[in-house]
N, C-alpha and C. Protein backbone atom coordinates (compact mmCIF):
# COMPACT_ATOMS: atom_id res chain seq x y z
N MET A 1 164.12 120.43 206.49
CA MET A 1 164.20 121.60 206.99
C MET A 1 165.91 121.88 206.76
N GLN A 2 165.96 122.93 205.53
CA GLN A 2 166.88 123.37 205.40
C GLN A 2 167.49 125.15 206.11
N PRO A 3 168.96 125.71 206.11
CA PRO A 3 168.75 126.82 206.68
C PRO A 3 168.25 127.89 205.97
N PHE A 4 168.08 128.96 205.97
CA PHE A 4 167.28 129.91 205.61
C PHE A 4 167.99 130.19 203.99
N GLY A 5 169.39 130.72 204.62
CA GLY A 5 170.21 130.78 203.07
C GLY A 5 170.09 130.25 201.93
N GLU A 6 170.30 128.56 202.21
CA GLU A 6 169.85 127.63 201.44
C GLU A 6 168.81 127.43 200.78
N THR A 7 167.75 127.78 202.00
CA THR A 7 166.32 127.83 201.05
C THR A 7 166.37 128.86 200.15
N VAL A 8 166.70 130.05 200.48
CA VAL A 8 166.44 131.33 199.60
C VAL A 8 167.10 130.80 198.05
N LEU A 9 168.44 130.38 198.44
CA LEU A 9 169.29 129.76 197.05
C LEU A 9 168.43 129.17 196.22
N ALA A 10 168.00 128.25 196.65
CA ALA A 10 166.97 126.63 196.25
C ALA A 10 165.95 127.69 195.48
N TRP A 11 165.08 128.42 196.04
CA TRP A 11 163.81 129.09 195.50
C TRP A 11 164.28 129.74 194.37
N ARG A 12 165.39 130.60 194.56
CA ARG A 12 166.04 131.52 193.12
C ARG A 12 166.18 130.38 192.14
N LEU A 13 166.83 129.39 192.75
CA LEU A 13 167.02 128.72 191.77
C LEU A 13 166.12 128.09 191.16
N ALA A 14 164.95 127.33 191.54
CA ALA A 14 163.98 127.04 191.06
C ALA A 14 163.15 127.87 190.05
N ARG A 15 163.11 129.12 190.52
CA ARG A 15 162.43 130.11 189.61
C ARG A 15 163.32 130.55 188.45
N ARG A 16 164.84 130.16 188.64
CA ARG A 16 165.58 130.43 187.40
C ARG A 16 165.62 131.73 187.46
N MET A 17 166.37 132.51 188.26
CA MET A 17 166.34 134.06 188.70
C MET A 17 167.90 134.10 188.84
N THR A 18 168.64 134.98 188.50
CA THR A 18 170.18 135.31 188.64
C THR A 18 169.96 136.23 190.36
N GLN A 19 171.23 136.21 191.29
CA GLN A 19 171.48 136.96 192.33
C GLN A 19 170.91 138.46 192.15
N ASP A 20 171.42 139.06 190.85
CA ASP A 20 170.91 140.12 190.47
C ASP A 20 169.68 140.53 190.48
N GLU A 21 169.03 139.50 189.62
CA GLU A 21 167.43 139.72 189.05
C GLU A 21 166.33 139.32 190.54
N LEU A 22 166.69 138.54 191.35
CA LEU A 22 166.34 138.55 192.59
C LEU A 22 166.84 139.72 193.73
N GLY A 23 167.59 140.05 193.74
CA GLY A 23 168.14 141.21 194.24
C GLY A 23 167.64 142.43 193.99
N ARG A 24 167.17 143.00 193.18
CA ARG A 24 166.36 143.87 192.52
C ARG A 24 164.78 143.74 192.29
N ALA A 25 164.17 142.59 192.27
CA ALA A 25 163.02 142.25 192.34
C ALA A 25 162.51 142.56 194.03
N ALA A 26 163.67 142.41 195.06
CA ALA A 26 163.31 142.41 196.56
C ALA A 26 163.47 143.60 197.04
N GLY A 27 164.61 144.44 196.39
CA GLY A 27 165.12 145.68 196.67
C GLY A 27 166.18 145.29 197.78
N VAL A 28 166.96 143.96 197.26
CA VAL A 28 168.12 144.07 198.06
C VAL A 28 169.27 143.88 197.46
N PRO A 29 170.48 144.39 197.73
CA PRO A 29 171.66 144.79 197.05
C PRO A 29 172.06 143.41 196.81
N ARG A 30 172.74 142.89 195.71
CA ARG A 30 173.41 141.56 195.23
C ARG A 30 174.28 141.42 196.23
N PRO A 31 175.22 141.91 196.79
CA PRO A 31 176.30 141.62 197.60
C PRO A 31 175.53 141.07 198.89
N ASN A 32 174.72 141.69 199.35
CA ASN A 32 173.82 141.27 200.43
C ASN A 32 172.69 139.87 200.12
N LEU A 33 172.41 140.11 199.54
CA LEU A 33 171.74 138.60 198.74
C LEU A 33 172.59 137.36 198.57
N SER A 34 173.69 137.79 197.87
CA SER A 34 174.87 136.76 198.41
C SER A 34 175.15 136.36 199.91
N ALA A 35 175.23 137.19 200.62
CA ALA A 35 176.04 137.06 202.30
C ALA A 35 174.74 136.08 202.59
N ILE A 36 173.34 136.53 202.45
CA ILE A 36 172.22 135.74 202.87
C ILE A 36 172.27 134.41 202.81
N GLU A 37 172.33 134.00 201.19
CA GLU A 37 172.62 133.06 200.84
C GLU A 37 173.72 131.78 201.26
N ARG A 38 174.86 132.66 201.59
CA ARG A 38 175.76 131.92 201.95
C ARG A 38 175.42 131.75 203.68
N GLY A 39 174.87 132.27 204.59
CA GLY A 39 174.22 132.43 205.58
C GLY A 39 175.23 132.87 206.89
N ASP A 40 175.73 134.23 205.91
CA ASP A 40 176.46 134.96 206.30
C ASP A 40 175.76 136.36 207.33
N ARG A 41 174.75 136.32 206.68
CA ARG A 41 173.88 137.54 206.89
C ARG A 41 172.30 137.37 207.62
N GLU A 42 171.72 138.02 208.53
CA GLU A 42 170.40 137.82 208.89
C GLU A 42 170.05 138.78 208.44
N VAL A 43 168.42 138.20 208.37
CA VAL A 43 167.41 139.29 207.59
C VAL A 43 166.61 140.16 208.49
N THR A 44 165.93 141.14 208.33
CA THR A 44 165.01 141.32 208.81
C THR A 44 163.64 140.76 208.48
N LEU A 45 162.67 141.14 208.95
CA LEU A 45 161.15 140.95 208.33
C LEU A 45 160.55 141.65 207.09
N LYS A 46 161.28 142.72 207.27
CA LYS A 46 160.89 143.06 206.16
C LYS A 46 161.75 142.73 204.76
N THR A 47 163.13 142.38 205.05
CA THR A 47 163.54 141.71 203.81
C THR A 47 163.06 140.17 203.66
N LEU A 48 162.40 139.43 204.72
CA LEU A 48 161.95 138.28 204.52
C LEU A 48 160.93 138.46 203.65
N ARG A 49 160.38 139.43 203.91
CA ARG A 49 159.16 139.56 203.06
C ARG A 49 159.11 140.12 202.09
N ALA A 50 159.91 140.91 201.47
CA ALA A 50 160.22 141.30 200.23
C ALA A 50 160.84 140.31 199.23
N LEU A 51 161.96 138.93 200.24
CA LEU A 51 162.43 138.15 199.41
C LEU A 51 161.24 136.99 198.55
N ALA A 52 160.26 136.81 199.84
CA ALA A 52 159.02 136.11 199.33
C ALA A 52 158.17 136.85 198.37
N LEU A 53 158.05 137.98 198.22
CA LEU A 53 157.30 138.51 197.26
C LEU A 53 157.85 138.57 196.08
N ALA A 54 159.07 138.49 195.66
CA ALA A 54 159.77 138.30 194.94
C ALA A 54 159.79 137.02 194.32
N LEU A 55 160.12 136.16 195.19
CA LEU A 55 160.28 134.80 194.71
C LEU A 55 158.70 133.86 194.77
N ASP A 56 157.75 134.49 194.73
CA ASP A 56 156.26 134.15 194.68
C ASP A 56 155.90 132.93 195.63
N VAL A 57 156.38 133.44 197.13
CA VAL A 57 156.12 132.19 197.80
C VAL A 57 155.91 132.90 199.24
N ARG A 58 155.11 131.91 200.02
CA ARG A 58 154.74 132.70 201.29
C ARG A 58 156.05 132.97 202.42
N PRO A 59 156.32 134.09 202.54
CA PRO A 59 157.34 134.20 204.31
C PRO A 59 157.53 132.91 204.57
N GLY A 60 156.19 132.11 205.35
CA GLY A 60 156.95 131.25 206.27
C GLY A 60 157.02 129.96 205.71
N ILE A 61 157.05 129.77 204.31
CA ILE A 61 157.76 128.94 203.63
C ILE A 61 159.71 129.08 203.70
N LEU A 62 159.95 130.16 203.71
CA LEU A 62 161.35 130.64 203.64
C LEU A 62 161.67 130.80 204.92
N ALA A 63 160.91 130.73 205.88
CA ALA A 63 161.24 130.75 207.53
C ALA A 63 161.75 129.23 207.98
N ASP A 64 160.53 129.06 207.48
CA ASP A 64 160.59 127.44 207.77
C ASP A 64 161.39 126.56 207.04
N GLY A 65 162.33 127.04 206.31
CA GLY A 65 163.39 126.28 205.50
C GLY A 65 162.60 125.14 204.56
N ILE A 66 161.50 125.46 204.17
CA ILE A 66 160.71 124.21 202.84
C ILE A 66 161.69 124.70 201.50
N PRO A 67 162.43 123.50 200.94
CA PRO A 67 162.97 123.82 199.92
C PRO A 67 161.73 123.57 198.41
N PRO A 68 161.55 124.37 197.30
CA PRO A 68 160.65 123.73 196.55
C PRO A 68 160.46 122.38 196.33
N ALA A 69 159.27 121.70 195.99
CA ALA A 69 159.19 120.60 195.98
C ALA A 69 159.24 120.25 194.53
N THR A 70 159.73 119.10 194.39
CA THR A 70 159.87 118.68 193.16
C THR A 70 158.94 117.84 192.24
N GLY A 71 158.38 117.09 193.40
CA GLY A 71 157.02 116.70 192.74
C GLY A 71 157.23 114.96 192.29
N ALA A 72 158.52 115.03 192.05
CA ALA A 72 159.45 113.97 191.31
C ALA A 72 159.21 112.44 192.78
N PRO A 73 158.49 111.23 192.06
CA PRO A 73 158.41 110.39 192.90
C PRO A 73 159.81 109.85 192.96
N PRO A 74 159.79 109.16 194.28
CA PRO A 74 161.44 108.17 194.52
C PRO A 74 162.01 107.40 193.54
N LEU A 75 163.08 107.40 193.44
CA LEU A 75 164.08 106.92 192.29
C LEU A 75 163.73 105.05 192.61
N SER A 76 163.43 104.54 191.52
CA SER A 76 163.57 102.93 191.48
C SER A 76 164.84 102.35 191.14
N ARG A 77 165.13 101.42 192.13
CA ARG A 77 167.09 100.51 191.99
C ARG A 77 167.19 100.60 190.51
N ALA A 78 166.22 100.04 189.58
CA ALA A 78 166.72 100.38 188.12
C ALA A 78 166.99 101.81 187.90
N ARG A 79 166.48 102.58 188.31
CA ARG A 79 166.79 103.95 187.71
C ARG A 79 167.88 104.59 188.39
N LEU A 80 168.22 104.29 189.54
CA LEU A 80 169.42 104.26 190.13
C LEU A 80 170.64 103.93 189.66
N GLU A 81 170.54 102.59 189.07
CA GLU A 81 171.75 102.36 188.68
C GLU A 81 171.80 102.54 187.07
N ARG A 82 170.68 103.03 186.73
CA ARG A 82 170.93 103.74 185.15
C ARG A 82 171.97 105.27 185.27
N ILE A 83 171.04 105.84 186.05
CA ILE A 83 172.04 107.32 186.88
C ILE A 83 173.48 106.78 187.27
N ALA A 84 173.52 105.73 187.74
CA ALA A 84 175.31 105.50 188.17
C ALA A 84 175.98 105.19 187.00
N ARG A 85 175.51 104.32 186.08
CA ARG A 85 176.15 103.99 184.90
C ARG A 85 176.55 105.13 183.81
N ALA A 86 175.33 106.21 183.90
CA ALA A 86 175.59 107.32 183.10
C ALA A 86 176.51 108.10 183.40
N THR A 87 176.90 108.39 184.87
CA THR A 87 177.64 108.96 185.42
C THR A 87 179.23 108.40 185.19
N ALA A 88 179.09 107.48 185.16
CA ALA A 88 180.55 106.69 185.10
C ALA A 88 180.75 106.57 183.38
N ARG A 89 180.24 106.32 182.87
CA ARG A 89 180.52 106.41 181.42
C ARG A 89 180.44 107.90 180.74
N GLY A 90 179.78 108.70 181.25
CA GLY A 90 179.68 109.82 181.18
C GLY A 90 178.63 110.21 180.11
N SER A 91 177.65 109.50 179.98
CA SER A 91 176.68 109.30 179.15
C SER A 91 175.72 110.22 179.50
N ASP A 92 174.36 110.55 178.92
CA ASP A 92 173.44 110.72 178.93
C ASP A 92 172.29 109.97 178.59
N SER A 93 171.26 109.72 179.30
CA SER A 93 170.08 109.13 179.46
C SER A 93 168.78 109.92 178.66
N LYS A 94 167.71 108.83 178.12
CA LYS A 94 166.56 109.58 177.56
C LYS A 94 165.90 110.40 178.44
N ASP A 95 165.80 109.91 179.63
CA ASP A 95 165.05 110.37 181.11
C ASP A 95 165.62 111.86 181.06
N SER A 96 165.44 113.07 181.48
CA SER A 96 165.60 114.30 181.69
C SER A 96 165.98 114.31 183.04
N ARG A 97 165.33 113.70 184.01
CA ARG A 97 165.26 113.46 185.35
C ARG A 97 166.88 113.11 185.67
N GLU A 98 166.96 111.59 184.70
CA GLU A 98 168.30 110.99 185.08
C GLU A 98 169.26 111.79 184.60
N SER A 99 169.38 112.32 183.40
CA SER A 99 170.36 113.06 182.79
C SER A 99 170.86 114.00 183.86
N ALA A 100 169.52 114.62 184.69
CA ALA A 100 170.27 115.73 184.99
C ALA A 100 170.94 115.42 186.41
N LEU A 101 170.39 114.50 186.72
CA LEU A 101 170.96 113.99 187.80
C LEU A 101 172.41 113.24 187.53
N ALA A 102 172.39 112.75 187.00
CA ALA A 102 174.15 111.83 186.29
C ALA A 102 174.56 113.31 185.92
N ARG A 103 174.47 114.29 185.45
CA ARG A 103 175.34 115.48 185.34
C ARG A 103 176.05 116.34 186.22
N HIS A 104 175.16 116.36 187.29
CA HIS A 104 175.17 116.74 188.55
C HIS A 104 176.29 116.01 189.39
N LEU A 105 176.24 114.09 189.16
CA LEU A 105 177.03 113.63 189.82
C LEU A 105 178.26 113.67 189.57
N ARG A 106 178.30 113.52 187.73
CA ARG A 106 179.68 113.68 187.36
C ARG A 106 180.57 115.07 188.01
N GLN A 107 179.74 115.96 187.75
CA GLN A 107 180.16 117.39 188.20
C GLN A 107 181.21 116.98 189.68
N VAL A 108 180.29 116.40 190.56
CA VAL A 108 180.83 116.76 191.63
C VAL A 108 181.82 115.26 191.80
N MET A 109 181.98 113.74 191.06
CA MET A 109 182.76 113.16 191.21
C MET A 109 184.03 113.66 190.59
N THR A 110 184.14 114.30 189.49
CA THR A 110 185.19 114.72 188.66
C THR A 110 185.56 115.62 189.44
N SER A 111 185.19 116.82 190.18
CA SER A 111 185.84 117.22 190.76
C SER A 111 186.58 117.37 192.70
N LYS A 112 185.96 116.30 192.87
CA LYS A 112 186.57 115.53 193.58
C LYS A 112 188.04 114.81 193.72
N LEU A 113 187.90 114.32 192.02
CA LEU A 113 189.22 113.76 191.80
C LEU A 113 190.06 114.84 191.54
N GLN A 114 189.66 116.07 191.07
CA GLN A 114 190.81 117.30 190.39
C GLN A 114 191.18 117.98 191.46
N VAL A 115 190.87 117.32 192.69
CA VAL A 115 191.16 118.94 194.05
C VAL A 115 192.53 119.10 193.98
N GLY A 116 193.58 118.42 193.45
CA GLY A 116 195.08 118.90 193.31
C GLY A 116 195.86 117.92 194.58
N PRO A 117 196.84 118.49 194.39
CA PRO A 117 198.18 117.61 195.60
C PRO A 117 197.95 117.82 196.83
N THR A 118 197.79 116.75 197.62
CA THR A 118 197.92 116.73 199.07
C THR A 118 199.22 116.33 199.65
N GLY A 119 199.44 117.71 200.50
CA GLY A 119 200.85 117.70 201.33
C GLY A 119 200.86 117.12 202.47
N PRO A 120 201.95 116.97 203.10
CA PRO A 120 201.98 116.28 204.25
C PRO A 120 200.83 116.53 205.38
N SER A 121 200.64 117.53 205.56
CA SER A 121 199.47 118.05 206.48
C SER A 121 197.90 117.84 206.17
N GLY A 122 197.79 117.35 204.54
CA GLY A 122 196.41 116.99 204.13
C GLY A 122 196.44 118.24 203.08
N PRO A 123 195.18 118.15 202.21
CA PRO A 123 194.78 118.74 200.98
C PRO A 123 195.57 120.20 201.04
N THR A 124 196.32 120.80 200.08
CA THR A 124 196.50 122.22 199.89
C THR A 124 195.35 122.93 199.19
N ARG A 125 195.97 124.09 199.75
CA ARG A 125 194.62 125.29 199.57
C ARG A 125 194.83 125.31 197.76
N PRO A 126 193.19 125.64 197.56
CA PRO A 126 192.94 125.39 196.19
C PRO A 126 193.46 126.70 195.41
N THR A 127 194.09 126.01 194.05
CA THR A 127 194.45 127.46 193.50
C THR A 127 193.25 128.07 192.37
N ARG A 128 193.59 128.69 191.81
CA ARG A 128 192.88 129.35 190.67
C ARG A 128 192.19 128.19 189.80
N SER A 129 193.05 127.47 189.59
CA SER A 129 192.56 126.41 188.54
C SER A 129 191.75 125.35 189.20
N THR A 130 191.84 125.43 190.21
CA THR A 130 191.26 124.12 191.38
C THR A 130 190.00 124.78 191.89
N ALA A 131 189.93 126.17 191.71
CA ALA A 131 188.44 127.00 192.60
C ALA A 131 187.37 126.96 191.99
N ARG A 132 187.29 126.96 190.80
CA ARG A 132 186.26 127.00 189.93
C ARG A 132 185.36 125.77 189.94
N PRO A 133 186.08 124.53 189.42
CA PRO A 133 185.69 123.49 189.63
C PRO A 133 185.09 123.18 190.78
N LEU A 134 185.83 123.52 191.71
CA LEU A 134 185.19 123.22 193.34
C LEU A 134 183.85 123.86 193.37
N ALA A 135 183.88 125.21 192.73
CA ALA A 135 182.61 125.79 193.00
C ALA A 135 181.39 125.14 192.37
N ARG A 136 181.72 125.06 191.17
CA ARG A 136 181.04 123.99 190.29
C ARG A 136 180.09 123.05 190.99
N ALA A 137 181.35 121.99 191.39
CA ALA A 137 181.13 120.64 192.21
C ALA A 137 179.86 121.24 193.12
N ASP A 138 180.53 122.20 194.23
CA ASP A 138 179.46 122.45 195.24
C ASP A 138 178.03 122.92 194.77
N ARG A 139 177.78 123.73 193.71
CA ARG A 139 176.79 124.06 193.21
C ARG A 139 175.91 122.83 192.72
N ALA A 140 176.89 121.80 192.12
CA ALA A 140 176.27 120.46 191.57
C ALA A 140 175.54 119.72 192.97
N TYR A 141 176.33 119.45 193.87
CA TYR A 141 175.92 118.55 195.11
C TYR A 141 174.68 119.44 195.85
N PHE A 142 174.69 120.68 195.67
CA PHE A 142 173.54 121.09 196.32
C PHE A 142 172.50 121.06 195.79
N MET A 143 172.47 121.09 193.85
CA MET A 143 171.29 120.44 193.32
C MET A 143 170.82 119.29 193.68
N LEU A 144 171.74 118.56 193.53
CA LEU A 144 171.55 116.93 194.29
C LEU A 144 170.54 117.32 195.43
N ARG A 145 171.05 117.60 196.29
CA ARG A 145 170.70 117.53 197.61
C ARG A 145 169.09 118.36 197.87
N SER A 146 168.83 119.39 196.79
CA SER A 146 167.91 120.02 196.83
C SER A 146 166.60 119.11 195.87
N SER A 147 167.15 118.63 195.20
CA SER A 147 166.08 117.79 194.74
C SER A 147 165.83 116.12 194.86
N GLU A 148 166.85 115.78 195.53
CA GLU A 148 166.57 114.28 195.71
C GLU A 148 166.72 114.15 197.55
N SER A 149 166.33 113.05 198.34
CA SER A 149 166.37 112.85 199.51
C SER A 149 168.40 112.20 199.86
N GLN A 150 168.69 112.89 200.94
CA GLN A 150 169.97 112.35 201.81
C GLN A 150 170.23 111.23 201.19
N GLU A 151 169.14 110.39 201.74
CA GLU A 151 169.44 109.08 201.21
C GLU A 151 169.45 108.75 199.62
N THR A 152 168.84 109.11 198.96
CA THR A 152 169.34 108.70 197.88
C THR A 152 170.43 109.75 197.53
N VAL A 153 170.73 110.53 197.38
CA VAL A 153 172.15 111.01 196.87
C VAL A 153 173.55 110.26 197.61
N ALA A 154 173.21 109.95 198.86
CA ALA A 154 174.25 108.46 199.48
C ALA A 154 174.10 107.83 198.55
N THR A 155 173.16 106.87 197.93
CA THR A 155 173.10 105.82 197.71
C THR A 155 173.61 105.97 195.92
N LEU A 156 173.32 107.07 195.25
CA LEU A 156 173.81 107.30 194.21
C LEU A 156 175.60 107.22 194.19
N VAL A 157 175.98 107.95 195.19
CA VAL A 157 177.25 108.28 195.31
C VAL A 157 178.05 106.78 194.84
N ASP A 158 177.45 106.12 196.22
CA ASP A 158 177.93 104.75 196.48
C ASP A 158 177.62 104.26 195.27
N ARG A 159 176.91 104.42 194.41
CA ARG A 159 176.39 103.20 193.29
C ARG A 159 177.66 103.86 192.10
N VAL A 160 177.44 105.11 191.99
CA VAL A 160 178.88 105.45 191.10
C VAL A 160 180.01 105.18 191.25
N GLY A 161 180.44 105.04 192.87
CA GLY A 161 181.79 104.41 192.87
C GLY A 161 182.23 103.12 192.42
N LEU A 162 180.91 102.41 192.70
CA LEU A 162 180.95 100.90 192.31
C LEU A 162 180.92 100.73 190.91
N ALA A 163 180.23 101.59 190.16
CA ALA A 163 180.55 101.21 188.76
C ALA A 163 181.82 101.95 188.19
N LEU A 164 182.23 102.71 188.51
CA LEU A 164 183.37 103.12 188.45
C LEU A 164 184.45 102.37 188.83
N GLU A 165 184.43 101.65 189.70
CA GLU A 165 185.49 100.39 190.03
C GLU A 165 185.03 99.33 188.91
N ARG A 166 183.98 99.12 188.20
CA ARG A 166 183.78 97.94 187.58
C ARG A 166 184.12 98.35 185.78
N GLU A 167 184.63 99.79 186.03
CA GLU A 167 184.66 100.28 184.28
C GLU A 167 186.06 100.39 184.13
């Protein structure tokens, strides 16, 4: 179960809609939709129904925090290893699911390494040059979490770390 805003975001991305498109379809201004997806705004029953209708899901799906089902089977050990190697090497796989996961992982791992300088009191505030990669990394991590189990994501991150050490 996900928070409401993340559920709306996951369904919007699954439907390949922009915030503007969903906002128009649901009659919700884009800034309000953005605040809903961030979890900064509560919704009325009327808004819940409008979002569900625009996303073509039952309102209970959104209210219960049920993300779109990928229908994908769990990843085997061999596939996990291939994804980790592809991520570490910067290459793609012939399998579309493996390639997508490797791309998302690469974005997350690259942005983690590019956060910038660390001062005596911890990491410095993101600059304009680091803010965009961090936003991409957040989106990539969200996509990983939405498509795979928490255990699978953790396993992939660990395996990529090991693969990078070997490279």
